Each structure stands twice: as structure tokens, then as C-alpha cells.
Amino acid sequence: MFSISRRVLQRPSWQTVATPLRSIHTGSQSTLSPLTLRSSRSCAKSRRVELQKRHYAQYSDRNTVGVFTPTSAAIFVAVGAGLFFYFRQEKARLVEEREKERENKQFGRPNIGGPFSLTTHDGKPFTEKDLLGKWNLVYFGFTNCPDICPAELDKMTTVLDSVEKEHGDIFQPLFITVDPARDSPARIEKYLQDFHSSFIGLVGDYQTTKAACKGFRVYFSTPPDADPKGDYLVDHSIFVYLMDPEGKFVEALGQSVDSNQVIEKIREAITEWQKDTGRKV
């Protein structure tokens, strides 16, 4: 089945090993020479090295996912800085728009309030500057009032009890007498003991009282030369003036407005103020 060349058989074995590119054929099978085997092994090794390089490159690419490169870091910083300045400008724009809207709302309000100088029932000076930092409920009346003034002060007491529970100690109720001839500080202090404990009574002479009433557009009928011991009634406007923490007029709440409506008006005013300023006072 197979034949072997005589020439090959006659050579020593070492010559056979040294003969390049010679093969021994046995039928359909062939045996590669050592040189061919070395070449084949070298090719295989080269392929393994190449595969290892490719594998390492793929592994390296996978490891770089999610890691900042200098370019991506620069882009990130630039985008972050751009967003920071954008949102800062946007915030400033919104604040400016709210301030303009607030000014427009105040522009349509009556000019009620203004400068005044009176004295508290415990002898301390009190001016329009003392309105700042609180929501003020201002009422003008007199201690000899038979029914309307006590009813309005009772209503204010009910309102204060409710709104202080809801919003805290941010209110300042004021009672300004329109009868300075008879309402001394001591008399006002005693009179207010029947109402909310936070009430501050204010009194002045006739001219300072008149100036305060003019600023709040309050009508009163007390004559300038009224007898301190006289028995007379005083006709006057019946309003509770709601003033904001900047001492500016918000609303005049008349006698027909009940306590629940007053509470709701105050809640709306505080909500609007908080929306514009970010705080209650």
C-alpha cells in the first residue's frame, strides 16, 4: 500500500532530519518537516498574541466607559457653568417681575396711613415706624362708646385668637382713641383689659389725633375744645384697617364684615405676601 524511496532509506537518520521541506508519504497521509512545524507554531503564536492584543483593547475600551476624559470633563464643566448662570439670571428675572407686579398692585391701593406720632397707654412713643415687621389691625374708637366699639374690639379679639394659632405671633392690634380729651393713657389701659391682651392703646393731643385720623381717612366729630368731664358721644368711621409688615394699607374691613370673613381676608393677604416675599412678615 505504500512505497518508500530507496534513496531516503539509504541516508542516515540525521540527514533525514536535516533535509528541508522533505516529506514521507504514506498513502494519503503526510508528515510535516520540523522546519514547517516551527513555522506553523510561530504563526499560531503570532495569532495568539494578536488575539490577546485585541482582547486587551476591547477590555480597555469597556473600562473607559463612565470615566472622565479631559474632553468630557471640560464639556461637563462648561455645561455646569452655563446652567448656573442661566438659572441665576432666571431667578433674578422672576424676582424683578414679582416686584413689578407687587408695585402695580400697590399702585391701585388708596394711600392710607402715613406718618403719625402718638403715645402708647403705658407712656411710650409710637410712630408709623413701629408698624414695621408686623401685620397691624388698626381701629379708631373711644372708651365711652356704648356698643359699636366694644363689639368691634370683641370681633378683633376673636380674629386674633384664630390667626395667631394659624400664623403665629406676627400681629399687632392697635386702638387709637378719637376722644383725646377724655381718654387718658390710664383709662385706655383699663378699657383694653376686656379684650385681647396684645392690644396697644394710642393717644395724643387733639392735633396729633387729627393728623393720624387724616392719614387713615377717618372721620371723627370730637371738637377741639371738648370738655374732659363732658358727657357727649363721638361719631366716627367704623373700620378695621389691615396694614402689611411694611406699614402699607391692605384693606379696610367694615362693620358688616364678620370675624370669619376677616380671618379669610387676612389669610389671603398673608398668602399673597408670602408668595411675593418668601416670608410671612
Protein backbone atom coordinates (compact mmCIF):
# COMPACT_ATOMS: atom_id res chain seq x y z
CA MET A 1 0.00 0.00 0.00
CA PHE A 2 2.86 2.35 0.41
CA SER A 3 6.35 2.77 -1.02
CA ILE A 4 9.45 4.31 0.45
CA SER A 5 12.16 5.83 -1.66
CA ARG A 6 15.34 3.77 -1.59
CA ARG A 7 17.42 6.88 -1.56
CA VAL A 8 15.77 8.02 1.60
CA LEU A 9 16.27 4.67 3.28
CA GLN A 10 19.94 4.69 2.48
CA ARG A 11 20.60 8.01 4.26
CA PRO A 12 21.37 8.25 7.95
CA SER A 13 18.53 9.42 10.14
CA TRP A 14 20.26 12.65 10.98
CA GLN A 15 20.39 13.57 7.30
CA THR A 16 16.71 12.95 7.02
CA VAL A 17 16.06 15.35 9.85
CA ALA A 18 18.28 17.96 8.28
CA THR A 19 16.70 17.73 4.83
CA PRO A 20 14.50 20.75 4.34
CA LEU A 21 10.98 20.56 3.06
CA ARG A 22 11.03 16.79 2.52
CA SER A 23 8.06 14.65 3.37
CA ILE A 24 7.44 10.99 3.92
CA HIS A 25 4.29 9.97 2.12
CA THR A 26 2.27 7.10 3.39
CA GLY A 27 -0.74 6.76 1.22
CA SER A 28 -2.99 9.80 1.67
CA GLN A 29 -1.27 10.99 4.89
CA SER A 30 1.73 13.33 5.12
CA THR A 31 4.11 14.29 7.91
CA LEU A 32 5.40 17.91 8.02
CA SER A 33 9.07 18.57 8.39
CA PRO A 34 10.41 20.12 11.62
CA LEU A 35 11.00 23.47 9.88
CA THR A 36 7.40 23.55 8.71
CA LEU A 37 6.24 22.71 12.22
CA ARG A 38 8.32 25.52 13.68
CA SER A 39 6.87 27.94 11.13
CA SER A 40 3.36 26.76 11.90
CA ARG A 41 3.95 27.13 15.62
CA SER A 42 5.32 30.63 15.08
CA CYS A 43 2.20 31.58 13.12
CA ALA A 44 -0.02 30.18 15.84
CA LYS A 45 1.90 32.10 18.49
CA SER A 46 1.57 35.29 16.43
CA ARG A 47 -2.17 34.73 16.17
CA ARG A 48 -2.45 34.19 19.91
CA VAL A 49 -0.54 37.41 20.53
CA GLU A 50 -2.80 39.26 18.12
CA LEU A 51 -5.91 37.85 19.76
CA GLN A 52 -4.58 38.82 23.17
CA LYS A 53 -3.97 42.38 21.92
CA ARG A 54 -7.49 42.60 20.56
CA HIS A 55 -8.93 41.24 23.77
CA TYR A 56 -6.94 43.73 25.81
CA ALA A 57 -8.05 46.59 23.56
CA GLN A 58 -11.71 45.58 23.94
CA TYR A 59 -11.30 45.23 27.71
CA SER A 60 -9.62 48.64 27.86
CA ASP A 61 -12.45 50.21 25.84
CA ARG A 62 -15.02 48.73 28.19
CA ASN A 63 -13.13 50.04 31.21
CA THR A 64 -13.09 53.59 29.85
CA VAL A 65 -16.90 53.77 29.78
CA GLY A 66 -18.08 56.19 32.51
CA VAL A 67 -14.58 57.56 33.16
CA PHE A 68 -13.94 61.26 32.52
CA THR A 69 -11.56 62.06 29.76
CA PRO A 70 -10.12 65.58 29.64
CA THR A 71 -12.52 66.48 26.84
CA SER A 72 -15.62 65.16 28.60
CA ALA A 73 -14.58 66.84 31.85
CA ALA A 74 -14.18 70.17 30.06
CA ILE A 75 -17.61 69.79 28.46
CA PHE A 76 -19.15 68.91 31.81
CA VAL A 77 -17.65 71.98 33.50
CA ALA A 78 -18.73 74.26 30.65
CA VAL A 79 -22.30 72.94 30.70
CA GLY A 80 -22.46 73.21 34.51
CA ALA A 81 -21.22 76.81 34.45
CA GLY A 82 -23.71 77.68 31.71
CA LEU A 83 -26.61 76.21 33.68
CA PHE A 84 -25.52 78.04 36.84
CA PHE A 85 -25.50 81.45 35.16
CA TYR A 86 -28.75 80.70 33.33
CA PHE A 87 -30.65 79.78 36.49
CA ARG A 88 -29.18 82.75 38.38
CA GLN A 89 -30.34 85.14 35.67
CA GLU A 90 -33.73 83.41 35.51
CA LYS A 91 -34.16 83.77 39.28
CA ALA A 92 -33.26 87.46 39.12
CA ARG A 93 -35.76 87.95 36.31
CA LEU A 94 -38.56 86.26 38.28
CA VAL A 95 -37.80 88.34 41.37
CA GLU A 96 -37.90 91.51 39.27
CA GLU A 97 -41.21 90.50 37.69
CA ARG A 98 -42.74 89.77 41.10
CA GLU A 99 -41.56 93.11 42.42
CA LYS A 100 -43.09 94.92 39.45
CA GLU A 101 -46.34 93.01 39.89
CA ARG A 102 -46.37 93.89 43.56
CA GLU A 103 -45.74 97.56 42.80
CA ASN A 104 -48.59 97.54 40.29
CA LYS A 105 -50.93 96.07 42.89
CA GLN A 106 -49.91 98.69 45.43
CA PHE A 107 -50.30 101.43 42.85
CA GLY A 108 -54.03 100.75 42.76
CA ARG A 109 -54.40 100.90 46.55
CA PRO A 110 -55.58 104.01 48.38
CA ASN A 111 -52.84 105.99 50.04
CA ILE A 112 -53.92 105.25 53.62
CA GLY A 113 -51.62 105.54 56.62
CA GLY A 114 -48.54 107.71 56.55
CA PRO A 115 -46.60 109.49 59.29
CA PHE A 116 -48.08 109.92 62.76
CA SER A 117 -46.78 110.33 66.29
CA LEU A 118 -48.76 109.15 69.32
CA THR A 119 -48.17 107.69 72.77
CA THR A 120 -48.96 104.18 73.99
CA HIS A 121 -51.19 103.54 77.01
CA ASP A 122 -48.03 102.81 79.03
CA GLY A 123 -46.37 106.11 78.08
CA LYS A 124 -44.06 105.05 75.22
CA PRO A 125 -43.79 106.94 71.91
CA PHE A 126 -45.31 105.21 68.90
CA THR A 127 -44.95 106.24 65.24
CA GLU A 128 -45.62 104.74 61.82
CA LYS A 129 -42.19 103.08 62.04
CA ASP A 130 -43.50 100.87 64.82
CA LEU A 131 -45.87 99.29 62.30
CA LEU A 132 -42.95 97.64 60.53
CA GLY A 133 -42.36 93.92 60.92
CA LYS A 134 -45.92 93.01 61.96
CA TRP A 135 -49.35 92.65 60.43
CA ASN A 136 -51.29 95.51 62.01
CA LEU A 137 -55.02 95.73 62.75
CA VAL A 138 -55.80 99.39 63.41
CA TYR A 139 -59.10 100.54 64.90
CA PHE A 140 -60.21 104.09 65.76
CA GLY A 141 -62.73 104.49 68.61
CA PHE A 142 -63.22 105.82 72.14
CA THR A 143 -63.72 104.31 75.56
CA ASN A 144 -67.16 105.89 76.19
CA CYS A 145 -68.59 104.21 73.09
CA PRO A 146 -71.70 102.34 74.28
CA ASP A 147 -71.91 99.44 71.85
CA ILE A 148 -70.18 99.64 68.45
CA CYS A 149 -66.59 99.94 69.68
CA PRO A 150 -66.87 97.05 72.19
CA ALA A 151 -68.47 94.88 69.51
CA GLU A 152 -65.70 95.62 67.02
CA LEU A 153 -62.97 95.02 69.59
CA ASP A 154 -64.64 91.72 70.55
CA LYS A 155 -64.59 90.76 66.88
CA MET A 156 -60.93 91.67 66.62
CA THR A 157 -60.21 89.53 69.68
CA THR A 158 -61.90 86.52 68.06
CA VAL A 159 -59.94 87.13 64.86
CA LEU A 160 -56.62 87.44 66.69
CA ASP A 161 -57.18 84.24 68.65
CA SER A 162 -57.68 82.38 65.37
CA VAL A 163 -54.98 83.93 63.19
CA GLU A 164 -52.31 83.67 65.89
CA LYS A 165 -52.96 79.92 66.14
CA GLU A 166 -52.59 79.63 62.37
CA HIS A 167 -49.74 82.05 61.67
CA GLY A 168 -48.03 82.74 64.99
CA ASP A 169 -47.24 85.94 66.84
CA ILE A 170 -47.00 88.22 63.81
CA PHE A 171 -49.90 90.58 64.56
CA GLN A 172 -50.16 93.92 66.31
CA PRO A 173 -53.66 95.24 67.14
CA LEU A 174 -53.92 98.99 67.75
CA PHE A 175 -56.68 101.02 69.37
CA ILE A 176 -56.39 104.74 68.55
CA THR A 177 -58.70 106.99 70.50
CA VAL A 178 -60.63 109.73 68.72
CA ASP A 179 -61.54 111.29 72.06
CA PRO A 180 -58.22 112.58 73.41
CA ALA A 181 -59.92 114.97 75.83
CA ARG A 182 -61.36 112.13 77.99
CA ASP A 183 -59.27 109.08 77.05
CA SER A 184 -56.15 109.28 79.17
CA PRO A 185 -53.48 106.53 78.88
CA ALA A 186 -54.61 105.05 82.21
CA ARG A 187 -58.23 104.96 81.11
CA ILE A 188 -57.36 103.30 77.80
CA GLU A 189 -55.23 100.69 79.56
CA LYS A 190 -58.12 99.75 81.84
CA TYR A 191 -60.57 99.68 78.94
CA LEU A 192 -58.43 97.31 76.85
CA GLN A 193 -58.20 94.75 79.64
CA ASP A 194 -61.55 93.34 78.49
CA PHE A 195 -60.15 92.48 75.05
CA HIS A 196 -57.16 90.72 73.51
CA SER A 197 -54.05 91.00 75.66
CA SER A 198 -51.86 92.19 72.76
CA PHE A 199 -53.86 95.38 72.14
CA ILE A 200 -51.85 98.60 72.22
CA GLY A 201 -53.76 101.77 73.05
CA LEU A 202 -52.61 105.00 71.40
CA VAL A 203 -53.43 108.56 72.42
CA GLY A 204 -52.28 112.07 71.58
CA ASP A 205 -53.43 115.63 71.84
CA TYR A 206 -56.11 116.93 69.52
CA GLN A 207 -53.74 117.94 66.70
CA THR A 208 -51.76 114.69 66.63
CA THR A 209 -55.02 112.72 66.82
CA LYS A 210 -56.45 114.72 63.95
CA ALA A 211 -53.29 114.15 61.87
CA ALA A 212 -53.45 110.39 62.45
CA CYS A 213 -57.14 110.31 61.53
CA LYS A 214 -56.44 112.31 58.38
CA GLY A 215 -53.73 109.86 57.33
CA PHE A 216 -56.11 106.93 57.70
CA ARG A 217 -59.05 108.93 56.26
CA VAL A 218 -61.04 108.51 59.46
CA TYR A 219 -63.90 110.87 60.20
CA PHE A 220 -64.48 111.87 63.83
CA SER A 221 -66.70 114.57 65.36
CA THR A 222 -64.86 115.41 68.58
CA PRO A 223 -64.49 119.20 68.86
CA PRO A 224 -61.04 120.59 69.59
CA ASP A 225 -62.25 122.21 72.82
CA ALA A 226 -64.16 119.22 74.19
CA ASP A 227 -64.72 119.16 77.96
CA PRO A 228 -62.80 116.29 79.57
CA LYS A 229 -65.68 115.91 82.02
CA GLY A 230 -68.40 116.33 79.44
CA ASP A 231 -71.00 113.71 78.59
CA TYR A 232 -71.01 113.50 74.82
CA LEU A 233 -70.85 110.91 72.10
CA VAL A 234 -68.37 110.88 69.24
CA ASP A 235 -69.35 109.99 65.72
CA HIS A 236 -66.54 108.31 63.78
CA SER A 237 -65.71 105.95 60.94
CA ILE A 238 -66.06 102.25 61.76
CA PHE A 239 -63.28 100.30 60.04
CA VAL A 240 -60.52 97.90 60.97
CA TYR A 241 -57.52 98.78 58.81
CA LEU A 242 -55.28 95.86 57.81
CA MET A 243 -51.70 97.03 57.26
CA ASP A 244 -48.87 94.86 55.92
CA PRO A 245 -45.42 94.40 57.57
CA GLU A 246 -44.13 97.40 55.62
CA GLY A 247 -46.79 99.62 57.15
CA LYS A 248 -48.75 99.84 53.90
CA PHE A 249 -52.50 99.65 53.60
CA VAL A 250 -54.04 96.34 52.52
CA GLU A 251 -57.76 96.58 53.18
CA ALA A 252 -60.41 98.37 55.25
CA LEU A 253 -62.78 95.89 56.93
CA GLY A 254 -66.12 97.43 57.79
CA GLN A 255 -68.66 96.67 60.47
CA SER A 256 -70.62 94.37 58.16
CA VAL A 257 -67.62 92.02 57.69
CA ASP A 258 -67.89 89.22 60.24
CA SER A 259 -64.97 87.55 62.04
CA ASN A 260 -64.76 84.59 59.64
CA GLN A 261 -64.54 86.90 56.66
CA VAL A 262 -61.85 88.96 58.36
CA ILE A 263 -59.86 85.78 59.07
CA GLU A 264 -60.12 84.78 55.43
CA LYS A 265 -59.06 88.25 54.25
CA ILE A 266 -56.01 88.10 56.49
CA ARG A 267 -55.15 84.60 55.27
CA GLU A 268 -55.35 85.75 51.64
CA ALA A 269 -53.18 88.79 52.35
CA ILE A 270 -50.52 86.73 54.12
CA THR A 271 -50.54 84.13 51.32
CA GLU A 272 -50.05 86.83 48.70
CA TRP A 273 -47.32 88.49 50.75
CA GLN A 274 -45.54 85.16 51.26
CA LYS A 275 -45.74 84.44 47.54
CA ASP A 276 -44.09 87.78 46.74
CA THR A 277 -41.50 87.88 49.52
CA GLY A 278 -40.97 84.27 50.60
CA ARG A 279 -41.88 85.05 54.22
CA LYS A 280 -44.92 85.88 56.36
CA VAL A 281 -43.60 89.17 57.73
